[in-house]
Amino acid sequence: MAEIPESGLIQSEVVLREMMLTDEVKMTRKSLIRWLALSLGLISPKESRQSVLTLFEALLFYHLKDKRGANYTDITDYFKQQSVEMNEKTIRYHLTQLRKAGVLEDGRGTYKFTGFQSDNLAEALEQSYKMKANTAFSNIKTAVDLLKKMHEA
């Protein structure tokens, strides 16, 4: 029997963590950003690197304050305003990873959260994750149905 290259079959992953939103978390913007990144599975629980969180913060700023996606210049301008230094390679790496995860869309050099329309960031994130989960469960149902038929034969 030939081996199935499982890694080649993976289209995306959905990591969603059910986390308590405590009063402590609600106290600062930084803790809310980290909580949101953890909840959405964008970082691991023991993540110590700040670069992805800083980029995530910049993207959130443009989506929530200006109600629009950000281009590369917007992101670097935000970093300058926050006195953050990050090289281009790191910025582009994290943007690529967020696109691969299906969290970001790249529309002609403007990065926006998938499905974002003017003032619905929470809804856009929810719909994006639900679509992936629905597709995964649809395929799981098909696989279980096929196994059931094989056992009945």
N, C-alpha and C. Protein backbone atom coordinates (compact mmCIF):
# COMPACT_ATOMS: atom_id res chain seq x y z
N MET A 1 0.84 -1.18 0.00
CA MET A 1 0.00 0.00 0.00
C MET A 1 0.89 1.25 0.00
N ALA A 2 0.60 2.18 -0.89
CA ALA A 2 1.39 3.40 -1.00
C ALA A 2 1.06 4.34 0.16
N GLU A 3 2.08 5.06 0.61
CA GLU A 3 1.88 6.02 1.68
C GLU A 3 1.22 7.28 1.14
N ILE A 4 0.31 7.82 1.91
CA ILE A 4 -0.34 9.08 1.55
C ILE A 4 0.50 10.22 2.12
N PRO A 5 0.88 11.18 1.29
CA PRO A 5 1.66 12.32 1.81
C PRO A 5 0.74 13.29 2.56
N GLU A 6 0.45 12.96 3.82
CA GLU A 6 -0.54 13.73 4.58
C GLU A 6 -0.26 15.22 4.59
N SER A 7 0.99 15.60 4.74
CA SER A 7 1.29 17.03 4.83
C SER A 7 0.87 17.77 3.56
N GLY A 8 0.89 17.09 2.44
CA GLY A 8 0.48 17.71 1.18
C GLY A 8 -1.04 17.87 1.07
N LEU A 9 -1.77 17.17 1.91
CA LEU A 9 -3.24 17.26 1.88
C LEU A 9 -3.78 18.40 2.72
N ILE A 10 -2.96 18.92 3.63
CA ILE A 10 -3.41 19.98 4.54
C ILE A 10 -3.52 21.30 3.78
N GLN A 11 -4.72 21.84 3.77
CA GLN A 11 -4.93 23.13 3.12
C GLN A 11 -4.75 24.28 4.09
N SER A 12 -5.20 24.09 5.31
CA SER A 12 -5.02 25.09 6.36
C SER A 12 -5.31 24.43 7.70
N GLU A 13 -4.97 25.13 8.76
CA GLU A 13 -5.25 24.64 10.10
C GLU A 13 -6.13 25.66 10.81
N VAL A 14 -7.00 25.17 11.64
CA VAL A 14 -7.83 26.04 12.46
C VAL A 14 -7.46 25.78 13.91
N VAL A 15 -6.81 26.76 14.52
CA VAL A 15 -6.51 26.68 15.94
C VAL A 15 -7.31 27.78 16.60
N LEU A 16 -8.20 27.38 17.45
CA LEU A 16 -9.04 28.32 18.16
C LEU A 16 -9.03 27.89 19.62
N ARG A 17 -8.64 28.80 20.49
CA ARG A 17 -8.55 28.46 21.91
C ARG A 17 -9.68 29.13 22.68
N GLU A 18 -10.36 28.35 23.50
CA GLU A 18 -11.35 28.92 24.41
C GLU A 18 -10.60 29.42 25.63
N MET A 19 -10.58 30.72 25.78
CA MET A 19 -9.79 31.33 26.86
C MET A 19 -10.67 32.25 27.70
N MET A 20 -10.34 32.33 28.98
CA MET A 20 -11.04 33.27 29.85
C MET A 20 -10.59 34.68 29.51
N LEU A 21 -11.52 35.59 29.44
CA LEU A 21 -11.21 37.00 29.21
C LEU A 21 -11.34 37.69 30.56
N THR A 22 -10.25 37.66 31.31
CA THR A 22 -10.26 38.15 32.69
C THR A 22 -10.17 39.68 32.75
N ASP A 23 -10.46 40.21 33.92
CA ASP A 23 -10.33 41.65 34.12
C ASP A 23 -8.89 42.10 33.92
N GLU A 24 -7.94 41.28 34.32
CA GLU A 24 -6.52 41.61 34.11
C GLU A 24 -6.20 41.78 32.64
N VAL A 25 -6.70 40.87 31.82
CA VAL A 25 -6.46 40.93 30.37
C VAL A 25 -7.07 42.20 29.79
N LYS A 26 -8.22 42.58 30.28
CA LYS A 26 -8.95 43.73 29.74
C LYS A 26 -8.31 45.07 30.09
N MET A 27 -7.31 45.07 30.95
CA MET A 27 -6.74 46.32 31.46
C MET A 27 -5.84 47.04 30.45
N THR A 28 -5.13 46.31 29.60
CA THR A 28 -4.20 46.99 28.70
C THR A 28 -4.38 46.52 27.26
N ARG A 29 -4.03 47.40 26.34
CA ARG A 29 -4.11 47.07 24.92
C ARG A 29 -3.18 45.90 24.59
N LYS A 30 -1.97 45.93 25.14
CA LYS A 30 -1.00 44.85 24.85
C LYS A 30 -1.51 43.50 25.31
N SER A 31 -2.12 43.45 26.48
CA SER A 31 -2.60 42.15 26.97
C SER A 31 -3.80 41.68 26.14
N LEU A 32 -4.65 42.60 25.68
CA LEU A 32 -5.77 42.22 24.81
C LEU A 32 -5.27 41.71 23.47
N ILE A 33 -4.24 42.34 22.93
CA ILE A 33 -3.68 41.90 21.64
C ILE A 33 -3.08 40.51 21.79
N ARG A 34 -2.32 40.28 22.86
CA ARG A 34 -1.74 38.95 23.09
C ARG A 34 -2.85 37.91 23.29
N TRP A 35 -3.88 38.26 24.07
CA TRP A 35 -5.00 37.35 24.31
C TRP A 35 -5.67 37.00 22.99
N LEU A 36 -5.93 38.00 22.16
CA LEU A 36 -6.59 37.76 20.88
C LEU A 36 -5.73 36.87 19.97
N ALA A 37 -4.43 37.14 19.91
CA ALA A 37 -3.52 36.32 19.10
C ALA A 37 -3.48 34.88 19.60
N LEU A 38 -3.48 34.70 20.92
CA LEU A 38 -3.51 33.35 21.49
C LEU A 38 -4.84 32.67 21.19
N SER A 39 -5.93 33.39 21.39
CA SER A 39 -7.26 32.84 21.18
C SER A 39 -7.45 32.39 19.74
N LEU A 40 -6.94 33.17 18.79
CA LEU A 40 -7.07 32.85 17.37
C LEU A 40 -6.01 31.85 16.89
N GLY A 41 -5.14 31.41 17.79
CA GLY A 41 -4.13 30.43 17.43
C GLY A 41 -3.00 31.01 16.57
N LEU A 42 -2.81 32.32 16.62
CA LEU A 42 -1.76 32.95 15.82
C LEU A 42 -0.39 32.84 16.46
N ILE A 43 -0.37 32.62 17.76
CA ILE A 43 0.89 32.41 18.48
C ILE A 43 0.71 31.23 19.42
N SER A 44 1.82 30.68 19.86
CA SER A 44 1.76 29.57 20.82
C SER A 44 1.71 30.15 22.23
N PRO A 45 1.21 29.38 23.18
CA PRO A 45 1.09 29.88 24.56
C PRO A 45 2.40 30.36 25.18
N LYS A 46 3.52 29.80 24.75
CA LYS A 46 4.80 30.20 25.33
C LYS A 46 5.59 31.12 24.40
N GLU A 47 4.91 31.74 23.44
CA GLU A 47 5.56 32.61 22.47
C GLU A 47 6.22 33.79 23.18
N SER A 48 7.51 33.97 22.95
CA SER A 48 8.22 35.08 23.58
C SER A 48 8.60 36.16 22.57
N ARG A 49 8.59 35.82 21.28
CA ARG A 49 8.94 36.82 20.28
C ARG A 49 7.81 37.84 20.17
N GLN A 50 8.19 39.09 20.08
CA GLN A 50 7.21 40.16 20.03
C GLN A 50 6.88 40.61 18.61
N SER A 51 7.69 40.22 17.63
CA SER A 51 7.52 40.77 16.28
C SER A 51 6.15 40.47 15.69
N VAL A 52 5.66 39.25 15.82
CA VAL A 52 4.35 38.93 15.26
C VAL A 52 3.24 39.69 16.00
N LEU A 53 3.40 39.86 17.30
CA LEU A 53 2.40 40.61 18.06
C LEU A 53 2.41 42.09 17.67
N THR A 54 3.58 42.63 17.44
CA THR A 54 3.69 44.03 17.04
C THR A 54 3.06 44.24 15.66
N LEU A 55 3.30 43.31 14.75
CA LEU A 55 2.68 43.39 13.43
C LEU A 55 1.16 43.25 13.55
N PHE A 56 0.71 42.30 14.35
CA PHE A 56 -0.71 42.09 14.58
C PHE A 56 -1.35 43.36 15.15
N GLU A 57 -0.65 44.00 16.07
CA GLU A 57 -1.14 45.25 16.66
C GLU A 57 -1.29 46.34 15.59
N ALA A 58 -0.31 46.45 14.70
CA ALA A 58 -0.39 47.44 13.63
C ALA A 58 -1.59 47.18 12.72
N LEU A 59 -1.78 45.92 12.35
CA LEU A 59 -2.91 45.57 11.50
C LEU A 59 -4.24 45.87 12.19
N LEU A 60 -4.33 45.55 13.47
CA LEU A 60 -5.54 45.84 14.23
C LEU A 60 -5.80 47.34 14.30
N PHE A 61 -4.74 48.12 14.47
CA PHE A 61 -4.88 49.57 14.53
C PHE A 61 -5.59 50.10 13.28
N TYR A 62 -5.11 49.72 12.12
CA TYR A 62 -5.70 50.23 10.87
C TYR A 62 -7.12 49.70 10.65
N HIS A 63 -7.37 48.48 11.04
CA HIS A 63 -8.70 47.91 10.86
C HIS A 63 -9.71 48.52 11.83
N LEU A 64 -9.29 48.72 13.07
CA LEU A 64 -10.23 49.19 14.09
C LEU A 64 -10.36 50.70 14.14
N LYS A 65 -9.26 51.41 13.97
CA LYS A 65 -9.30 52.88 14.04
C LYS A 65 -9.68 53.49 12.70
N ASP A 66 -8.98 53.07 11.64
CA ASP A 66 -9.22 53.67 10.32
C ASP A 66 -10.21 52.88 9.46
N LYS A 67 -10.61 51.70 9.96
CA LYS A 67 -11.57 50.84 9.26
C LYS A 67 -11.13 50.49 7.84
N ARG A 68 -9.85 50.12 7.74
CA ARG A 68 -9.29 49.75 6.44
C ARG A 68 -8.10 48.84 6.64
N GLY A 69 -7.72 48.18 5.55
CA GLY A 69 -6.51 47.38 5.57
C GLY A 69 -5.30 48.30 5.56
N ALA A 70 -4.14 47.72 5.80
CA ALA A 70 -2.90 48.48 5.84
C ALA A 70 -1.97 48.02 4.74
N ASN A 71 -1.23 48.94 4.16
CA ASN A 71 -0.19 48.55 3.22
C ASN A 71 1.15 48.52 3.96
N TYR A 72 2.19 48.13 3.27
CA TYR A 72 3.50 47.99 3.91
C TYR A 72 3.96 49.31 4.52
N THR A 73 3.75 50.41 3.81
CA THR A 73 4.16 51.72 4.32
C THR A 73 3.40 52.08 5.59
N ASP A 74 2.10 51.79 5.63
CA ASP A 74 1.30 52.03 6.84
C ASP A 74 1.90 51.29 8.02
N ILE A 75 2.26 50.04 7.79
CA ILE A 75 2.80 49.21 8.87
C ILE A 75 4.11 49.79 9.38
N THR A 76 5.01 50.14 8.47
CA THR A 76 6.30 50.71 8.91
C THR A 76 6.11 52.08 9.56
N ASP A 77 5.14 52.87 9.09
CA ASP A 77 4.84 54.15 9.75
C ASP A 77 4.35 53.92 11.17
N TYR A 78 3.50 52.92 11.34
CA TYR A 78 3.00 52.59 12.68
C TYR A 78 4.16 52.21 13.60
N PHE A 79 5.07 51.41 13.07
CA PHE A 79 6.23 51.01 13.88
C PHE A 79 7.06 52.23 14.28
N LYS A 80 7.25 53.17 13.37
CA LYS A 80 8.01 54.40 13.69
C LYS A 80 7.32 55.18 14.80
N GLN A 81 5.99 55.31 14.70
CA GLN A 81 5.23 56.03 15.73
C GLN A 81 5.35 55.36 17.09
N GLN A 82 5.49 54.03 17.09
CA GLN A 82 5.59 53.26 18.34
C GLN A 82 7.04 53.04 18.76
N SER A 83 8.00 53.62 18.01
CA SER A 83 9.45 53.44 18.27
C SER A 83 9.85 51.97 18.25
N VAL A 84 9.32 51.26 17.26
CA VAL A 84 9.62 49.83 17.09
C VAL A 84 10.49 49.68 15.85
N GLU A 85 11.55 48.92 15.98
CA GLU A 85 12.39 48.62 14.83
C GLU A 85 12.18 47.17 14.44
N MET A 86 11.85 46.96 13.17
CA MET A 86 11.66 45.61 12.66
C MET A 86 12.12 45.63 11.20
N ASN A 87 12.94 44.65 10.84
CA ASN A 87 13.44 44.65 9.47
C ASN A 87 12.39 44.16 8.49
N GLU A 88 12.58 44.51 7.24
CA GLU A 88 11.61 44.19 6.19
C GLU A 88 11.37 42.69 6.07
N LYS A 89 12.44 41.91 6.18
CA LYS A 89 12.31 40.46 6.04
C LYS A 89 11.36 39.88 7.11
N THR A 90 11.48 40.36 8.33
CA THR A 90 10.63 39.89 9.41
C THR A 90 9.18 40.28 9.18
N ILE A 91 8.97 41.53 8.76
CA ILE A 91 7.61 42.00 8.48
C ILE A 91 6.97 41.15 7.39
N ARG A 92 7.68 40.97 6.30
CA ARG A 92 7.13 40.21 5.17
C ARG A 92 6.91 38.74 5.54
N TYR A 93 7.80 38.18 6.36
CA TYR A 93 7.64 36.80 6.81
C TYR A 93 6.32 36.64 7.57
N HIS A 94 6.07 37.53 8.53
CA HIS A 94 4.85 37.42 9.34
C HIS A 94 3.60 37.69 8.50
N LEU A 95 3.67 38.63 7.57
CA LEU A 95 2.53 38.87 6.68
C LEU A 95 2.23 37.61 5.86
N THR A 96 3.28 36.97 5.37
CA THR A 96 3.11 35.74 4.59
C THR A 96 2.50 34.64 5.44
N GLN A 97 2.96 34.49 6.67
CA GLN A 97 2.43 33.45 7.56
C GLN A 97 0.95 33.71 7.88
N LEU A 98 0.58 34.96 8.08
CA LEU A 98 -0.82 35.29 8.35
C LEU A 98 -1.69 35.05 7.12
N ARG A 99 -1.13 35.28 5.93
CA ARG A 99 -1.87 34.99 4.69
C ARG A 99 -2.03 33.48 4.54
N LYS A 100 -0.96 32.73 4.77
CA LYS A 100 -1.03 31.27 4.66
C LYS A 100 -2.04 30.69 5.64
N ALA A 101 -2.15 31.30 6.80
CA ALA A 101 -3.10 30.83 7.81
C ALA A 101 -4.54 31.22 7.45
N GLY A 102 -4.70 32.04 6.42
CA GLY A 102 -6.03 32.45 5.99
C GLY A 102 -6.61 33.59 6.81
N VAL A 103 -5.79 34.21 7.65
CA VAL A 103 -6.26 35.31 8.49
C VAL A 103 -6.23 36.62 7.72
N LEU A 104 -5.26 36.76 6.83
CA LEU A 104 -5.11 37.98 6.04
C LEU A 104 -5.33 37.71 4.56
N GLU A 105 -5.84 38.73 3.88
CA GLU A 105 -5.93 38.74 2.43
C GLU A 105 -4.99 39.84 1.94
N ASP A 106 -4.36 39.61 0.82
CA ASP A 106 -3.49 40.61 0.22
C ASP A 106 -4.16 41.11 -1.05
N GLY A 107 -4.68 42.32 -0.98
CA GLY A 107 -5.34 42.89 -2.14
C GLY A 107 -4.53 44.03 -2.70
N ARG A 108 -3.70 43.72 -3.68
CA ARG A 108 -2.88 44.74 -4.34
C ARG A 108 -2.02 45.52 -3.34
N GLY A 109 -1.35 44.79 -2.48
CA GLY A 109 -0.43 45.42 -1.53
C GLY A 109 -1.09 45.94 -0.27
N THR A 110 -2.39 45.73 -0.13
CA THR A 110 -3.09 46.12 1.09
C THR A 110 -3.48 44.85 1.84
N TYR A 111 -3.08 44.80 3.08
CA TYR A 111 -3.34 43.62 3.90
C TYR A 111 -4.56 43.88 4.77
N LYS A 112 -5.57 43.04 4.59
CA LYS A 112 -6.76 43.17 5.43
C LYS A 112 -7.13 41.80 5.96
N PHE A 113 -7.80 41.81 7.09
CA PHE A 113 -8.26 40.55 7.66
C PHE A 113 -9.30 39.96 6.71
N THR A 114 -9.23 38.67 6.51
CA THR A 114 -10.11 37.97 5.58
C THR A 114 -11.57 38.29 5.89
N GLY A 115 -12.28 38.74 4.87
CA GLY A 115 -13.70 39.03 5.00
C GLY A 115 -14.03 40.36 5.63
N PHE A 116 -13.02 41.17 5.97
CA PHE A 116 -13.26 42.45 6.63
C PHE A 116 -13.96 43.43 5.71
N GLN A 117 -15.05 44.01 6.19
CA GLN A 117 -15.80 45.04 5.46
C GLN A 117 -16.09 46.20 6.40
N SER A 118 -15.31 47.21 6.38
CA SER A 118 -15.45 48.49 7.09
C SER A 118 -15.51 48.45 8.62
N ASP A 119 -16.45 47.77 9.24
CA ASP A 119 -16.53 47.84 10.70
C ASP A 119 -16.97 46.51 11.31
N ASN A 120 -16.50 45.42 10.75
CA ASN A 120 -16.98 44.12 11.22
C ASN A 120 -15.84 43.15 11.49
N LEU A 121 -14.77 43.62 12.13
CA LEU A 121 -13.59 42.77 12.29
C LEU A 121 -13.91 41.49 13.07
N ALA A 122 -14.61 41.60 14.18
CA ALA A 122 -14.94 40.40 14.96
C ALA A 122 -15.76 39.42 14.13
N GLU A 123 -16.73 39.95 13.39
CA GLU A 123 -17.57 39.10 12.53
C GLU A 123 -16.75 38.47 11.41
N ALA A 124 -15.84 39.24 10.82
CA ALA A 124 -14.99 38.72 9.73
C ALA A 124 -14.12 37.57 10.24
N LEU A 125 -13.53 37.75 11.42
CA LEU A 125 -12.70 36.68 11.99
C LEU A 125 -13.55 35.44 12.27
N GLU A 126 -14.72 35.65 12.85
CA GLU A 126 -15.61 34.53 13.15
C GLU A 126 -15.99 33.78 11.88
N GLN A 127 -16.41 34.49 10.85
CA GLN A 127 -16.82 33.84 9.60
C GLN A 127 -15.67 33.10 8.94
N SER A 128 -14.48 33.69 8.98
CA SER A 128 -13.30 33.06 8.38
C SER A 128 -13.01 31.72 9.06
N TYR A 129 -13.04 31.71 10.38
CA TYR A 129 -12.76 30.49 11.13
C TYR A 129 -13.89 29.48 10.96
N LYS A 130 -15.14 29.94 10.94
CA LYS A 130 -16.28 29.04 10.77
C LYS A 130 -16.25 28.38 9.39
N MET A 131 -15.89 29.12 8.37
CA MET A 131 -15.82 28.54 7.02
C MET A 131 -14.82 27.40 6.98
N LYS A 132 -13.65 27.62 7.57
CA LYS A 132 -12.64 26.56 7.60
C LYS A 132 -13.14 25.36 8.39
N ALA A 133 -13.75 25.62 9.54
CA ALA A 133 -14.26 24.52 10.37
C ALA A 133 -15.37 23.77 9.64
N ASN A 134 -16.28 24.49 8.99
CA ASN A 134 -17.37 23.84 8.26
C ASN A 134 -16.84 22.96 7.14
N THR A 135 -15.84 23.45 6.41
CA THR A 135 -15.24 22.65 5.34
C THR A 135 -14.59 21.39 5.92
N ALA A 136 -13.85 21.57 7.01
CA ALA A 136 -13.20 20.42 7.64
C ALA A 136 -14.22 19.40 8.10
N PHE A 137 -15.31 19.85 8.75
CA PHE A 137 -16.32 18.91 9.24
C PHE A 137 -17.11 18.27 8.10
N SER A 138 -17.28 18.97 7.02
CA SER A 138 -17.94 18.37 5.86
C SER A 138 -17.10 17.21 5.33
N ASN A 139 -15.79 17.42 5.23
CA ASN A 139 -14.90 16.35 4.77
C ASN A 139 -14.84 15.21 5.78
N ILE A 140 -14.87 15.53 7.06
CA ILE A 140 -14.86 14.50 8.10
C ILE A 140 -16.13 13.65 7.99
N LYS A 141 -17.27 14.30 7.77
CA LYS A 141 -18.53 13.57 7.62
C LYS A 141 -18.46 12.62 6.42
N THR A 142 -17.93 13.11 5.31
CA THR A 142 -17.80 12.26 4.12
C THR A 142 -16.92 11.05 4.41
N ALA A 143 -15.79 11.28 5.09
CA ALA A 143 -14.88 10.17 5.41
C ALA A 143 -15.54 9.16 6.33
N VAL A 144 -16.28 9.63 7.34
CA VAL A 144 -16.98 8.72 8.26
C VAL A 144 -18.05 7.93 7.51
N ASP A 145 -18.80 8.60 6.62
CA ASP A 145 -19.82 7.91 5.83
C ASP A 145 -19.20 6.83 4.95
N LEU A 146 -18.06 7.13 4.34
CA LEU A 146 -17.37 6.14 3.51
C LEU A 146 -16.90 4.95 4.34
N LEU A 147 -16.37 5.23 5.53
CA LEU A 147 -15.95 4.13 6.41
C LEU A 147 -17.14 3.28 6.84
N LYS A 148 -18.26 3.94 7.12
CA LYS A 148 -19.47 3.21 7.50
C LYS A 148 -19.89 2.26 6.38
N LYS A 149 -19.89 2.74 5.15
CA LYS A 149 -20.25 1.90 4.00
C LYS A 149 -19.27 0.74 3.85
N MET A 150 -18.01 0.99 4.08
CA MET A 150 -17.00 -0.10 3.96
C MET A 150 -17.23 -1.17 5.02
N HIS A 151 -17.67 -0.76 6.21
CA HIS A 151 -17.92 -1.72 7.28
C HIS A 151 -19.22 -2.49 7.06
N GLU A 152 -20.13 -1.88 6.33
CA GLU A 152 -21.41 -2.56 6.05
C GLU A 152 -21.28 -3.56 4.91
N ALA A 153 -20.26 -3.40 4.10
CA ALA A 153 -20.10 -4.29 2.93
C ALA A 153 -19.65 -5.68 3.32
